[in-house]
Amino acid sequence: QVQLVESGGGLVQAGESLRLSCVASGRTFSSYTVGWFRQAPGKEREFVARIRWSGNLDYADSVKGRFTISRDNAKNTVYLQMNSLKPEDTAVYYCNAKETFSPLYWGQGTQVTVSS
C-alpha cells in the first residue's frame, strides 16, 4: 500500500512559479513511475508529466518548457516545478504512482489557481 500526499498549491499571478510536492509513504518509492495530472472545473482529468522509475520523463505539450518533473528517492518525493504559470493552468493537481503489478495509487490533490 502506498499513500500519496500532494502539497505546494496556492494562488499566484500569471507568470509566477509554484513547486508541487508528492510525498509517498508505505513503500520504497524508487521503483514507481509517478505522474502528475490535473483537473479543471468542468473538464476531464488530464496528463501533465511523468517520471518513470528509470528516470525517463514525459510532458504534455501544453506544459513543455515551463514545467519540470523530478524526484528525490531518498525523500520519497516527486516534485513538479511550474514556471511561467498561465490562467489555463488553474486546476486541482494530483499525483499518482504505480510499479509493475501494483495498483495505481492517487493522492488527494492540491489546488493551483493562477490569476490573470
N, C-alpha and C. Protein backbone atom coordinates (compact mmCIF):
# COMPACT_ATOMS: atom_id res chain seq x y z
N GLN A 1 0.85 -1.20 0.00
CA GLN A 1 0.00 0.00 0.00
C GLN A 1 0.88 1.25 0.00
N VAL A 2 0.51 2.21 -0.82
CA VAL A 2 1.24 3.47 -0.91
C VAL A 2 0.26 4.61 -0.65
N GLN A 3 0.65 5.52 0.20
CA GLN A 3 -0.14 6.73 0.42
C GLN A 3 0.61 7.91 -0.19
N LEU A 4 -0.12 8.72 -0.95
CA LEU A 4 0.47 9.88 -1.61
C LEU A 4 -0.17 11.15 -1.08
N VAL A 5 0.66 12.13 -0.77
CA VAL A 5 0.16 13.42 -0.29
C VAL A 5 0.79 14.52 -1.11
N GLU A 6 -0.05 15.30 -1.78
CA GLU A 6 0.42 16.45 -2.56
C GLU A 6 0.39 17.70 -1.70
N SER A 7 1.27 18.62 -2.01
CA SER A 7 1.28 19.92 -1.35
C SER A 7 1.96 20.92 -2.27
N GLY A 8 1.86 22.19 -1.89
CA GLY A 8 2.54 23.24 -2.64
C GLY A 8 1.64 24.08 -3.52
N GLY A 9 0.38 23.73 -3.60
CA GLY A 9 -0.53 24.53 -4.39
C GLY A 9 -0.81 25.88 -3.75
N GLY A 10 -1.48 26.72 -4.50
CA GLY A 10 -1.83 28.03 -3.97
C GLY A 10 -2.34 28.96 -5.04
N LEU A 11 -2.46 30.23 -4.69
CA LEU A 11 -2.93 31.26 -5.59
C LEU A 11 -1.74 32.13 -6.01
N VAL A 12 -1.50 32.20 -7.32
CA VAL A 12 -0.41 33.02 -7.84
C VAL A 12 -0.92 33.82 -9.03
N GLN A 13 -0.12 34.80 -9.43
CA GLN A 13 -0.45 35.58 -10.62
C GLN A 13 0.22 34.95 -11.84
N ALA A 14 -0.34 35.25 -12.98
CA ALA A 14 0.22 34.75 -14.23
C ALA A 14 1.69 35.15 -14.33
N GLY A 15 2.52 34.20 -14.77
CA GLY A 15 3.94 34.43 -14.91
C GLY A 15 4.76 33.98 -13.71
N GLU A 16 4.11 33.73 -12.60
CA GLU A 16 4.81 33.31 -11.40
C GLU A 16 5.02 31.78 -11.40
N SER A 17 5.64 31.31 -10.32
CA SER A 17 6.01 29.90 -10.24
C SER A 17 5.47 29.26 -8.96
N LEU A 18 5.33 27.96 -9.02
CA LEU A 18 5.00 27.14 -7.87
C LEU A 18 5.75 25.82 -7.99
N ARG A 19 6.03 25.21 -6.85
CA ARG A 19 6.60 23.87 -6.86
C ARG A 19 5.69 22.96 -6.05
N LEU A 20 5.16 21.97 -6.71
CA LEU A 20 4.33 20.97 -6.05
C LEU A 20 5.19 19.80 -5.59
N SER A 21 4.77 19.20 -4.49
CA SER A 21 5.45 18.02 -3.97
C SER A 21 4.45 16.87 -3.85
N CYS A 22 4.93 15.69 -4.11
CA CYS A 22 4.14 14.47 -3.92
C CYS A 22 4.99 13.55 -3.05
N VAL A 23 4.56 13.39 -1.81
CA VAL A 23 5.32 12.58 -0.86
C VAL A 23 4.63 11.24 -0.69
N ALA A 24 5.42 10.18 -0.79
CA ALA A 24 4.89 8.82 -0.67
C ALA A 24 5.30 8.20 0.65
N SER A 25 4.41 7.43 1.21
CA SER A 25 4.72 6.67 2.41
C SER A 25 4.18 5.26 2.24
N GLY A 26 4.79 4.36 2.96
CA GLY A 26 4.28 2.99 2.94
C GLY A 26 5.14 2.02 2.16
N ARG A 27 5.81 2.49 1.14
CA ARG A 27 6.67 1.60 0.35
C ARG A 27 7.86 2.41 -0.16
N THR A 28 8.89 1.70 -0.54
CA THR A 28 10.03 2.35 -1.20
C THR A 28 9.57 2.88 -2.55
N PHE A 29 9.89 4.11 -2.80
CA PHE A 29 9.32 4.84 -3.92
C PHE A 29 10.11 4.70 -5.21
N SER A 30 11.35 4.30 -5.11
CA SER A 30 12.25 4.41 -6.25
C SER A 30 11.84 3.55 -7.44
N SER A 31 11.08 2.49 -7.19
CA SER A 31 10.71 1.60 -8.29
C SER A 31 9.39 2.00 -8.95
N TYR A 32 8.79 3.08 -8.49
CA TYR A 32 7.49 3.51 -9.00
C TYR A 32 7.64 4.55 -10.12
N THR A 33 6.78 4.46 -11.09
CA THR A 33 6.58 5.53 -12.04
C THR A 33 5.54 6.47 -11.45
N VAL A 34 5.86 7.74 -11.43
CA VAL A 34 5.00 8.74 -10.79
C VAL A 34 4.56 9.77 -11.83
N GLY A 35 3.29 10.05 -11.81
CA GLY A 35 2.75 11.02 -12.75
C GLY A 35 2.01 12.15 -12.05
N TRP A 36 1.95 13.28 -12.75
CA TRP A 36 1.12 14.41 -12.32
C TRP A 36 0.00 14.58 -13.33
N PHE A 37 -1.21 14.75 -12.82
CA PHE A 37 -2.39 15.01 -13.62
C PHE A 37 -3.07 16.24 -13.05
N ARG A 38 -3.98 16.81 -13.82
CA ARG A 38 -4.73 17.95 -13.30
C ARG A 38 -6.16 17.90 -13.82
N GLN A 39 -7.03 18.51 -13.06
CA GLN A 39 -8.44 18.55 -13.44
C GLN A 39 -8.99 19.94 -13.15
N ALA A 40 -9.40 20.62 -14.21
CA ALA A 40 -10.03 21.92 -14.09
C ALA A 40 -11.54 21.74 -13.95
N PRO A 41 -12.22 22.72 -13.39
CA PRO A 41 -13.68 22.61 -13.22
C PRO A 41 -14.37 22.33 -14.55
N GLY A 42 -15.22 21.33 -14.55
CA GLY A 42 -15.98 21.01 -15.75
C GLY A 42 -15.22 20.26 -16.82
N LYS A 43 -13.96 19.93 -16.53
CA LYS A 43 -13.15 19.23 -17.52
C LYS A 43 -12.69 17.88 -16.99
N GLU A 44 -12.24 17.04 -17.91
CA GLU A 44 -11.73 15.74 -17.51
C GLU A 44 -10.30 15.88 -16.98
N ARG A 45 -9.92 14.92 -16.18
CA ARG A 45 -8.54 14.91 -15.67
C ARG A 45 -7.59 14.67 -16.84
N GLU A 46 -6.50 15.44 -16.87
CA GLU A 46 -5.56 15.32 -17.98
C GLU A 46 -4.14 15.11 -17.48
N PHE A 47 -3.38 14.45 -18.32
CA PHE A 47 -1.98 14.18 -18.03
C PHE A 47 -1.16 15.47 -18.09
N VAL A 48 -0.21 15.59 -17.15
CA VAL A 48 0.68 16.75 -17.13
C VAL A 48 2.14 16.32 -17.35
N ALA A 49 2.61 15.41 -16.52
CA ALA A 49 4.01 15.00 -16.61
C ALA A 49 4.17 13.65 -15.92
N ARG A 50 5.27 12.95 -16.29
CA ARG A 50 5.53 11.64 -15.72
C ARG A 50 7.02 11.43 -15.60
N ILE A 51 7.44 10.81 -14.52
CA ILE A 51 8.83 10.40 -14.37
C ILE A 51 8.82 8.90 -14.08
N ARG A 52 9.48 8.16 -14.94
CA ARG A 52 9.50 6.71 -14.80
C ARG A 52 10.56 6.30 -13.80
N TRP A 53 10.46 5.06 -13.37
CA TRP A 53 11.43 4.57 -12.38
C TRP A 53 12.84 4.64 -12.96
N SER A 54 12.94 4.57 -14.31
CA SER A 54 14.23 4.62 -14.98
C SER A 54 14.78 6.05 -15.07
N GLY A 55 13.94 7.01 -14.79
CA GLY A 55 14.35 8.41 -14.90
C GLY A 55 13.85 9.09 -16.16
N ASN A 56 13.29 8.34 -17.09
CA ASN A 56 12.74 8.94 -18.31
C ASN A 56 11.57 9.86 -17.96
N LEU A 57 11.48 10.94 -18.73
CA LEU A 57 10.47 11.96 -18.47
C LEU A 57 9.52 12.10 -19.64
N ASP A 58 8.27 12.42 -19.34
CA ASP A 58 7.26 12.73 -20.36
C ASP A 58 6.50 13.97 -19.92
N TYR A 59 6.13 14.80 -20.89
CA TYR A 59 5.36 16.01 -20.59
C TYR A 59 4.23 16.17 -21.60
N ALA A 60 3.15 16.75 -21.12
CA ALA A 60 2.10 17.18 -22.03
C ALA A 60 2.61 18.37 -22.84
N ASP A 61 2.16 18.47 -24.07
CA ASP A 61 2.62 19.57 -24.92
C ASP A 61 2.34 20.93 -24.29
N SER A 62 1.24 21.02 -23.57
CA SER A 62 0.83 22.31 -23.02
C SER A 62 1.76 22.82 -21.93
N VAL A 63 2.61 21.96 -21.37
CA VAL A 63 3.48 22.39 -20.27
C VAL A 63 4.97 22.27 -20.61
N LYS A 64 5.28 21.72 -21.77
CA LYS A 64 6.69 21.56 -22.15
C LYS A 64 7.40 22.91 -22.15
N GLY A 65 8.58 22.92 -21.56
CA GLY A 65 9.35 24.15 -21.49
C GLY A 65 9.02 25.02 -20.30
N ARG A 66 7.91 24.72 -19.62
CA ARG A 66 7.51 25.51 -18.45
C ARG A 66 7.53 24.70 -17.16
N PHE A 67 7.18 23.42 -17.25
CA PHE A 67 7.12 22.56 -16.08
C PHE A 67 8.27 21.56 -16.11
N THR A 68 8.76 21.23 -14.93
CA THR A 68 9.82 20.22 -14.80
C THR A 68 9.47 19.25 -13.68
N ILE A 69 9.50 17.98 -14.01
CA ILE A 69 9.26 16.95 -13.00
C ILE A 69 10.60 16.36 -12.57
N SER A 70 10.72 16.08 -11.28
CA SER A 70 11.95 15.49 -10.76
C SER A 70 11.61 14.66 -9.54
N ARG A 71 12.58 13.87 -9.10
CA ARG A 71 12.32 13.03 -7.93
C ARG A 71 13.54 12.99 -7.03
N ASP A 72 13.25 12.81 -5.75
CA ASP A 72 14.29 12.61 -4.74
C ASP A 72 13.91 11.32 -4.02
N ASN A 73 14.49 10.23 -4.45
CA ASN A 73 14.10 8.94 -3.89
C ASN A 73 14.45 8.83 -2.41
N ALA A 74 15.49 9.51 -1.98
CA ALA A 74 15.85 9.47 -0.56
C ALA A 74 14.76 10.08 0.30
N LYS A 75 14.00 11.01 -0.28
CA LYS A 75 12.91 11.66 0.46
C LYS A 75 11.55 11.11 0.05
N ASN A 76 11.54 10.10 -0.82
CA ASN A 76 10.27 9.54 -1.30
C ASN A 76 9.36 10.64 -1.85
N THR A 77 9.94 11.53 -2.61
CA THR A 77 9.21 12.72 -3.07
C THR A 77 9.44 12.95 -4.56
N VAL A 78 8.37 13.31 -5.24
CA VAL A 78 8.43 13.77 -6.62
C VAL A 78 7.94 15.21 -6.66
N TYR A 79 8.66 16.03 -7.41
CA TYR A 79 8.34 17.45 -7.50
C TYR A 79 7.83 17.79 -8.89
N LEU A 80 7.02 18.84 -8.93
CA LEU A 80 6.62 19.43 -10.20
C LEU A 80 6.88 20.93 -10.09
N GLN A 81 7.96 21.36 -10.72
CA GLN A 81 8.28 22.79 -10.75
C GLN A 81 7.51 23.42 -11.90
N MET A 82 6.70 24.40 -11.58
CA MET A 82 5.84 25.03 -12.58
C MET A 82 6.23 26.50 -12.71
N ASN A 83 6.77 26.86 -13.86
CA ASN A 83 7.18 28.23 -14.13
C ASN A 83 6.27 28.86 -15.18
N SER A 84 6.31 30.17 -15.26
CA SER A 84 5.53 30.90 -16.26
C SER A 84 4.07 30.44 -16.27
N LEU A 85 3.49 30.39 -15.11
CA LEU A 85 2.13 29.88 -14.99
C LEU A 85 1.13 30.76 -15.73
N LYS A 86 0.12 30.10 -16.26
CA LYS A 86 -0.93 30.77 -17.02
C LYS A 86 -2.28 30.51 -16.35
N PRO A 87 -3.26 31.37 -16.59
CA PRO A 87 -4.59 31.12 -16.01
C PRO A 87 -5.14 29.75 -16.40
N GLU A 88 -4.82 29.28 -17.58
CA GLU A 88 -5.32 27.97 -18.00
C GLU A 88 -4.66 26.80 -17.29
N ASP A 89 -3.65 27.08 -16.46
CA ASP A 89 -3.06 26.04 -15.62
C ASP A 89 -3.85 25.83 -14.33
N THR A 90 -4.84 26.66 -14.11
CA THR A 90 -5.67 26.54 -12.91
C THR A 90 -6.39 25.19 -12.90
N ALA A 91 -6.20 24.45 -11.81
CA ALA A 91 -6.78 23.11 -11.70
C ALA A 91 -6.41 22.53 -10.34
N VAL A 92 -7.03 21.41 -10.03
CA VAL A 92 -6.55 20.58 -8.93
C VAL A 92 -5.52 19.62 -9.51
N TYR A 93 -4.35 19.60 -8.90
CA TYR A 93 -3.25 18.77 -9.38
C TYR A 93 -3.13 17.52 -8.50
N TYR A 94 -3.06 16.38 -9.17
CA TYR A 94 -2.97 15.09 -8.49
C TYR A 94 -1.70 14.37 -8.92
N CYS A 95 -1.11 13.63 -7.99
CA CYS A 95 -0.04 12.73 -8.39
C CYS A 95 -0.56 11.29 -8.29
N ASN A 96 0.03 10.43 -9.10
CA ASN A 96 -0.25 9.01 -8.98
C ASN A 96 1.04 8.23 -9.08
N ALA A 97 0.97 6.99 -8.66
CA ALA A 97 2.18 6.17 -8.64
C ALA A 97 1.82 4.72 -8.92
N LYS A 98 2.69 4.07 -9.67
CA LYS A 98 2.47 2.67 -10.00
C LYS A 98 3.81 2.01 -10.28
N GLU A 99 3.93 0.76 -9.86
CA GLU A 99 5.03 -0.07 -10.29
C GLU A 99 4.43 -1.34 -10.90
N THR A 100 5.28 -2.11 -11.53
CA THR A 100 4.82 -3.33 -12.18
C THR A 100 4.04 -4.19 -11.20
N PHE A 101 2.86 -4.60 -11.58
CA PHE A 101 1.98 -5.49 -10.82
C PHE A 101 1.33 -4.82 -9.62
N SER A 102 1.52 -3.51 -9.43
CA SER A 102 0.87 -2.85 -8.30
C SER A 102 -0.40 -2.15 -8.77
N PRO A 103 -1.29 -1.82 -7.85
CA PRO A 103 -2.42 -0.95 -8.22
C PRO A 103 -1.90 0.45 -8.55
N LEU A 104 -2.79 1.26 -9.10
CA LEU A 104 -2.47 2.66 -9.34
C LEU A 104 -2.95 3.47 -8.14
N TYR A 105 -2.03 4.16 -7.51
CA TYR A 105 -2.36 4.95 -6.33
C TYR A 105 -2.48 6.42 -6.70
N TRP A 106 -3.43 7.11 -6.05
CA TRP A 106 -3.65 8.53 -6.27
C TRP A 106 -3.57 9.29 -4.95
N GLY A 107 -3.12 10.53 -5.04
CA GLY A 107 -3.21 11.41 -3.90
C GLY A 107 -4.54 12.14 -3.89
N GLN A 108 -4.70 13.05 -2.91
CA GLN A 108 -5.98 13.73 -2.73
C GLN A 108 -6.06 15.02 -3.52
N GLY A 109 -4.94 15.48 -4.05
CA GLY A 109 -4.92 16.68 -4.89
C GLY A 109 -4.57 17.94 -4.13
N THR A 110 -4.05 18.92 -4.88
CA THR A 110 -3.75 20.23 -4.35
C THR A 110 -4.18 21.28 -5.37
N GLN A 111 -4.82 22.34 -4.89
CA GLN A 111 -5.40 23.34 -5.78
C GLN A 111 -4.34 24.34 -6.23
N VAL A 112 -4.31 24.59 -7.53
CA VAL A 112 -3.47 25.64 -8.09
C VAL A 112 -4.40 26.62 -8.81
N THR A 113 -4.30 27.88 -8.42
CA THR A 113 -5.11 28.92 -9.05
C THR A 113 -4.19 30.01 -9.56
N VAL A 114 -4.31 30.31 -10.84
CA VAL A 114 -3.47 31.33 -11.47
C VAL A 114 -4.37 32.47 -11.93
N SER A 115 -4.15 33.64 -11.38
CA SER A 115 -4.97 34.80 -11.76
C SER A 115 -4.30 35.57 -12.89
N SER A 116 -5.13 36.20 -13.70
CA SER A 116 -4.59 36.95 -14.85
C SER A 116 -4.29 38.39 -14.49
